[in-house]
Amino acid sequence: QVNSGSSSTVITSTGNIGIGTTTANSALSVSGGAHIGSLRQGISAPTDGLFVDGNVGIGATTAAYNLDVWGTGRVTGALTVGGNLGIGTSLTVDSAAALTSLNVSGISSLAGNVGVGGSLTANSLSTFLSSILGSDGSVTAPGYAFNLDSDTGIFRPGTNALGLSTAG
């Protein structure tokens, strides 16, 4: 055991190393912040946190990205993405979440029910062996309307009837 002032470094008989602590219950135990790398040595690590220069791989044999996770991951709080988010093959929303914007490019297959509350803007929309369901609407507020002309469109005045509305 090596002590230096109020902090200490411990090497146990089992080979565990403790930095900033008097005990080392894991192969490496660090009490306080840690900085790995040599690029930004003038920056202090966050309290009880980790600052890493370079890429980090979790469950990976190489790390090609700042954070490269091979396998599953879980975020229990909010996840904020400042740029684009690329999704491999599927996106699952497990709760009644409100998406303020969903932009899908390319050919997409949306299985199951897809609900759009409020409005839907579609430059190109095709359905195969399915249907698009919307509200009945009215003469003044058609169920299907135009973005820049919301009182012109198609509405359902009654069973087996279709109405066209212009200028409400």
C-alpha atoms as a PDB file:
ATOM      1  CA  GLN A   1       0.000   0.000   0.000  1.00  0.00           C
ATOM      2  CA  VAL A   2       1.355   3.397  -1.031  1.00  0.00           C
ATOM      3  CA  ASN A   3      -0.043   6.510   0.638  1.00  0.00           C
ATOM      4  CA  SER A   4       0.557  10.089  -0.482  1.00  0.00           C
ATOM      5  CA  GLY A   5      -1.161  12.759   1.604  1.00  0.00           C
ATOM      6  CA  SER A   6      -4.960  12.318   1.585  1.00  0.00           C
ATOM      7  CA  SER A   7      -5.064  10.099  -1.517  1.00  0.00           C
ATOM      8  CA  SER A   8      -3.644   6.643  -1.802  1.00  0.00           C
ATOM      9  CA  THR A   9      -2.804   3.937  -4.250  1.00  0.00           C
ATOM     10  CA  VAL A  10      -3.436   0.366  -3.191  1.00  0.00           C
ATOM     11  CA  ILE A  11      -2.242  -2.873  -4.727  1.00  0.00           C
ATOM     12  CA  THR A  12      -3.871  -5.812  -2.999  1.00  0.00           C
ATOM     13  CA  SER A  13      -2.440  -9.290  -2.509  1.00  0.00           C
ATOM     14  CA  THR A  14      -4.829 -10.493  -5.270  1.00  0.00           C
ATOM     15  CA  GLY A  15      -3.445  -7.934  -7.739  1.00  0.00           C
ATOM     16  CA  ASN A  16      -6.322  -5.430  -7.600  1.00  0.00           C
ATOM     17  CA  ILE A  17      -5.311  -1.770  -7.940  1.00  0.00           C
ATOM     18  CA  GLY A  18      -7.030   1.097  -6.144  1.00  0.00           C
ATOM     19  CA  ILE A  19      -6.403   4.753  -7.013  1.00  0.00           C
ATOM     20  CA  GLY A  20      -7.702   7.451  -4.673  1.00  0.00           C
ATOM     21  CA  THR A  21      -9.123   4.800  -2.366  1.00  0.00           C
ATOM     22  CA  THR A  22      -7.890   2.601   0.450  1.00  0.00           C
ATOM     23  CA  THR A  23      -9.719  -0.453  -0.904  1.00  0.00           C
ATOM     24  CA  ALA A  24      -9.647  -2.134  -4.302  1.00  0.00           C
ATOM     25  CA  ASN A  25     -12.526  -4.580  -4.707  1.00  0.00           C
ATOM     26  CA  SER A  26     -12.162  -4.796  -8.508  1.00  0.00           C
ATOM     27  CA  ALA A  27      -9.221  -5.251 -10.863  1.00  0.00           C
ATOM     28  CA  LEU A  28      -9.126  -1.435 -11.066  1.00  0.00           C
ATOM     29  CA  SER A  29     -10.959   0.797  -8.582  1.00  0.00           C
ATOM     30  CA  VAL A  30     -10.774   4.576  -9.049  1.00  0.00           C
ATOM     31  CA  SER A  31     -12.297   7.049  -6.617  1.00  0.00           C
ATOM     32  CA  GLY A  32     -12.720  10.453  -8.265  1.00  0.00           C
ATOM     33  CA  GLY A  33     -12.479  11.487 -11.900  1.00  0.00           C
ATOM     34  CA  ALA A  34     -10.283   9.767 -14.464  1.00  0.00           C
ATOM     35  CA  HIS A  35      -8.795  10.995 -17.742  1.00  0.00           C
ATOM     36  CA  ILE A  36      -7.596   8.467 -20.320  1.00  0.00           C
ATOM     37  CA  GLY A  37      -5.454   9.703 -23.193  1.00  0.00           C
ATOM     38  CA  SER A  38      -2.959  12.468 -23.850  1.00  0.00           C
ATOM     39  CA  LEU A  39      -4.749  14.905 -26.184  1.00  0.00           C
ATOM     40  CA  ARG A  40      -6.480  17.152 -23.650  1.00  0.00           C
ATOM     41  CA  GLN A  41      -4.463  16.830 -20.476  1.00  0.00           C
ATOM     42  CA  GLY A  42      -5.289  20.433 -19.500  1.00  0.00           C
ATOM     43  CA  ILE A  43      -8.956  19.484 -19.007  1.00  0.00           C
ATOM     44  CA  SER A  44     -10.052  17.990 -15.679  1.00  0.00           C
ATOM     45  CA  ALA A  45     -12.226  14.891 -15.675  1.00  0.00           C
ATOM     46  CA  PRO A  46     -15.716  15.326 -14.233  1.00  0.00           C
ATOM     47  CA  THR A  47     -16.120  14.508 -10.542  1.00  0.00           C
ATOM     48  CA  ASP A  48     -16.495  10.736 -10.232  1.00  0.00           C
ATOM     49  CA  GLY A  49     -16.642  10.652 -14.046  1.00  0.00           C
ATOM     50  CA  LEU A  50     -14.519   9.618 -17.001  1.00  0.00           C
ATOM     51  CA  PHE A  51     -12.983  11.720 -19.783  1.00  0.00           C
ATOM     52  CA  VAL A  52     -11.652   9.720 -22.738  1.00  0.00           C
ATOM     53  CA  ASP A  53      -9.518  11.020 -25.616  1.00  0.00           C
ATOM     54  CA  GLY A  54     -10.291   8.819 -28.601  1.00  0.00           C
ATOM     55  CA  ASN A  55     -12.776   6.055 -29.310  1.00  0.00           C
ATOM     56  CA  VAL A  56     -14.399   3.717 -26.785  1.00  0.00           C
ATOM     57  CA  GLY A  57     -15.503   0.194 -27.655  1.00  0.00           C
ATOM     58  CA  ILE A  58     -17.972  -1.737 -25.521  1.00  0.00           C
ATOM     59  CA  GLY A  59     -18.181  -5.449 -26.287  1.00  0.00           C
ATOM     60  CA  ALA A  60     -16.117  -4.715 -29.385  1.00  0.00           C
ATOM     61  CA  THR A  61     -12.794  -5.884 -30.756  1.00  0.00           C
ATOM     62  CA  THR A  62     -12.232  -2.495 -32.435  1.00  0.00           C
ATOM     63  CA  ALA A  63     -13.698   0.969 -31.928  1.00  0.00           C
ATOM     64  CA  ALA A  64     -14.289   2.886 -35.166  1.00  0.00           C
ATOM     65  CA  TYR A  65     -16.526   5.558 -33.557  1.00  0.00           C
ATOM     66  CA  ASN A  66     -16.390   7.776 -30.465  1.00  0.00           C
ATOM     67  CA  LEU A  67     -18.713   5.209 -28.878  1.00  0.00           C
ATOM     68  CA  ASP A  68     -18.836   1.821 -30.598  1.00  0.00           C
ATOM     69  CA  VAL A  69     -21.232  -0.630 -28.923  1.00  0.00           C
ATOM     70  CA  TRP A  70     -21.432  -4.159 -30.276  1.00  0.00           C
ATOM     71  CA  GLY A  71     -24.601  -5.643 -28.841  1.00  0.00           C
ATOM     72  CA  THR A  72     -27.528  -4.094 -27.074  1.00  0.00           C
ATOM     73  CA  GLY A  73     -27.716  -0.835 -25.159  1.00  0.00           C
ATOM     74  CA  ARG A  74     -30.228   0.799 -22.861  1.00  0.00           C
ATOM     75  CA  VAL A  75     -31.019   4.409 -22.046  1.00  0.00           C
ATOM     76  CA  THR A  76     -33.511   4.851 -19.212  1.00  0.00           C
ATOM     77  CA  GLY A  77     -33.651   8.642 -19.412  1.00  0.00           C
ATOM     78  CA  ALA A  78     -33.799  10.969 -22.381  1.00  0.00           C
ATOM     79  CA  LEU A  79     -31.514  10.454 -25.370  1.00  0.00           C
ATOM     80  CA  THR A  80     -30.631  13.608 -27.265  1.00  0.00           C
ATOM     81  CA  VAL A  81     -29.088  13.344 -30.722  1.00  0.00           C
ATOM     82  CA  GLY A  82     -27.680  16.613 -32.042  1.00  0.00           C
ATOM     83  CA  GLY A  83     -27.191  15.392 -35.622  1.00  0.00           C
ATOM     84  CA  ASN A  84     -28.612  12.615 -37.747  1.00  0.00           C
ATOM     85  CA  LEU A  85     -29.580   9.268 -36.256  1.00  0.00           C
ATOM     86  CA  GLY A  86     -29.013   6.247 -38.469  1.00  0.00           C
ATOM     87  CA  ILE A  87     -31.132   3.196 -37.688  1.00  0.00           C
ATOM     88  CA  GLY A  88     -30.076  -0.146 -39.148  1.00  0.00           C
ATOM     89  CA  THR A  89     -33.194  -2.190 -39.841  1.00  0.00           C
ATOM     90  CA  SER A  90     -35.906  -1.289 -37.340  1.00  0.00           C
ATOM     91  CA  LEU A  91     -37.155   1.277 -34.850  1.00  0.00           C
ATOM     92  CA  THR A  92     -39.459   0.213 -32.048  1.00  0.00           C
ATOM     93  CA  VAL A  93     -41.366   2.711 -29.892  1.00  0.00           C
ATOM     94  CA  ASP A  94     -42.644   0.872 -26.828  1.00  0.00           C
ATOM     95  CA  SER A  95     -44.853   3.592 -25.392  1.00  0.00           C
ATOM     96  CA  ALA A  96     -47.240   6.276 -26.524  1.00  0.00           C
ATOM     97  CA  ALA A  97     -44.468   8.688 -27.402  1.00  0.00           C
ATOM     98  CA  ALA A  98     -44.972  11.964 -29.200  1.00  0.00           C
ATOM     99  CA  LEU A  99     -42.628  12.453 -32.125  1.00  0.00           C
ATOM    100  CA  THR A 100     -42.469  16.038 -33.305  1.00  0.00           C
ATOM    101  CA  SER A 101     -40.748  15.011 -36.531  1.00  0.00           C
ATOM    102  CA  LEU A 102     -40.136  11.702 -38.303  1.00  0.00           C
ATOM    103  CA  ASN A 103     -38.402  11.877 -41.663  1.00  0.00           C
ATOM    104  CA  VAL A 104     -38.127   8.568 -43.535  1.00  0.00           C
ATOM    105  CA  SER A 105     -36.130   8.460 -46.751  1.00  0.00           C
ATOM    106  CA  GLY A 106     -35.927   5.587 -49.200  1.00  0.00           C
ATOM    107  CA  ILE A 107     -38.320   2.670 -49.349  1.00  0.00           C
ATOM    108  CA  SER A 108     -39.862   1.940 -45.969  1.00  0.00           C
ATOM    109  CA  SER A 109     -42.182  -0.735 -44.726  1.00  0.00           C
ATOM    110  CA  LEU A 110     -44.208   0.259 -41.693  1.00  0.00           C
ATOM    111  CA  ALA A 111     -45.916  -2.836 -40.262  1.00  0.00           C
ATOM    112  CA  GLY A 112     -48.858  -2.706 -37.904  1.00  0.00           C
ATOM    113  CA  ASN A 113     -50.819   0.436 -37.115  1.00  0.00           C
ATOM    114  CA  VAL A 114     -49.234   3.808 -37.724  1.00  0.00           C
ATOM    115  CA  GLY A 115     -51.088   6.684 -36.103  1.00  0.00           C
ATOM    116  CA  VAL A 116     -50.517  10.277 -37.089  1.00  0.00           C
ATOM    117  CA  GLY A 117     -52.158  12.798 -34.795  1.00  0.00           C
ATOM    118  CA  GLY A 118     -52.658  16.246 -36.199  1.00  0.00           C
ATOM    119  CA  SER A 119     -51.307  16.367 -39.718  1.00  0.00           C
ATOM    120  CA  LEU A 120     -49.218  14.310 -42.108  1.00  0.00           C
ATOM    121  CA  THR A 121     -47.065  15.851 -44.814  1.00  0.00           C
ATOM    122  CA  ALA A 122     -46.197  13.369 -47.547  1.00  0.00           C
ATOM    123  CA  ASN A 123     -44.359  14.122 -50.765  1.00  0.00           C
ATOM    124  CA  SER A 124     -44.773  10.555 -51.958  1.00  0.00           C
ATOM    125  CA  LEU A 125     -46.880   7.949 -50.161  1.00  0.00           C
ATOM    126  CA  SER A 126     -47.854   4.531 -51.423  1.00  0.00           C
ATOM    127  CA  THR A 127     -49.820   1.765 -49.752  1.00  0.00           C
ATOM    128  CA  PHE A 128     -49.913  -1.851 -50.784  1.00  0.00           C
ATOM    129  CA  LEU A 129     -52.717  -4.168 -49.616  1.00  0.00           C
ATOM    130  CA  SER A 130     -53.664  -1.670 -46.946  1.00  0.00           C
ATOM    131  CA  SER A 131     -55.409   1.637 -46.395  1.00  0.00           C
ATOM    132  CA  ILE A 132     -54.834   5.116 -45.029  1.00  0.00           C
ATOM    133  CA  LEU A 133     -57.316   6.000 -42.321  1.00  0.00           C
ATOM    134  CA  GLY A 134     -58.150   9.546 -41.339  1.00  0.00           C
ATOM    135  CA  SER A 135     -60.836  11.530 -39.590  1.00  0.00           C
ATOM    136  CA  ASP A 136     -64.165  12.160 -41.344  1.00  0.00           C
ATOM    137  CA  GLY A 137     -63.592  15.894 -41.407  1.00  0.00           C
ATOM    138  CA  SER A 138     -66.174  18.465 -42.448  1.00  0.00           C
ATOM    139  CA  VAL A 139     -66.786  21.093 -45.109  1.00  0.00           C
ATOM    140  CA  THR A 140     -64.804  23.683 -43.132  1.00  0.00           C
ATOM    141  CA  ALA A 141     -62.100  21.278 -41.896  1.00  0.00           C
ATOM    142  CA  PRO A 142     -61.630  18.420 -44.382  1.00  0.00           C
ATOM    143  CA  GLY A 143     -60.104  15.149 -43.143  1.00  0.00           C
ATOM    144  CA  TYR A 144     -57.534  15.355 -45.933  1.00  0.00           C
ATOM    145  CA  ALA A 145     -56.395  18.904 -46.650  1.00  0.00           C
ATOM    146  CA  PHE A 146     -53.479  20.792 -48.139  1.00  0.00           C
ATOM    147  CA  ASN A 147     -50.658  22.249 -46.084  1.00  0.00           C
ATOM    148  CA  LEU A 148     -51.066  25.813 -47.402  1.00  0.00           C
ATOM    149  CA  ASP A 149     -54.844  25.601 -47.949  1.00  0.00           C
ATOM    150  CA  SER A 150     -56.313  23.790 -44.953  1.00  0.00           C
ATOM    151  CA  ASP A 151     -59.985  24.407 -45.804  1.00  0.00           C
ATOM    152  CA  THR A 152     -59.713  22.741 -49.228  1.00  0.00           C
ATOM    153  CA  GLY A 153     -59.721  18.969 -49.424  1.00  0.00           C
ATOM    154  CA  ILE A 154     -61.702  15.748 -49.026  1.00  0.00           C
ATOM    155  CA  PHE A 155     -64.157  14.915 -46.232  1.00  0.00           C
ATOM    156  CA  ARG A 156     -66.743  12.200 -45.462  1.00  0.00           C
ATOM    157  CA  PRO A 157     -70.246  13.666 -45.039  1.00  0.00           C
ATOM    158  CA  GLY A 158     -71.846  10.273 -44.312  1.00  0.00           C
ATOM    159  CA  THR A 159     -71.764   6.521 -44.980  1.00  0.00           C
ATOM    160  CA  ASN A 160     -70.472   5.647 -48.452  1.00  0.00           C
ATOM    161  CA  ALA A 161     -70.217   9.338 -49.404  1.00  0.00           C
ATOM    162  CA  LEU A 162     -67.271  11.526 -50.314  1.00  0.00           C
ATOM    163  CA  GLY A 163     -67.239  15.315 -50.264  1.00  0.00           C
ATOM    164  CA  LEU A 164     -64.891  17.833 -51.821  1.00  0.00           C
ATOM    165  CA  SER A 165     -64.444  21.193 -50.149  1.00  0.00           C
ATOM    166  CA  THR A 166     -62.953  24.384 -51.528  1.00  0.00           C
ATOM    167  CA  ALA A 167     -62.539  27.433 -49.311  1.00  0.00           C
ATOM    168  CA  GLY A 168     -64.663  25.861 -46.568  1.00  0.00           C
END
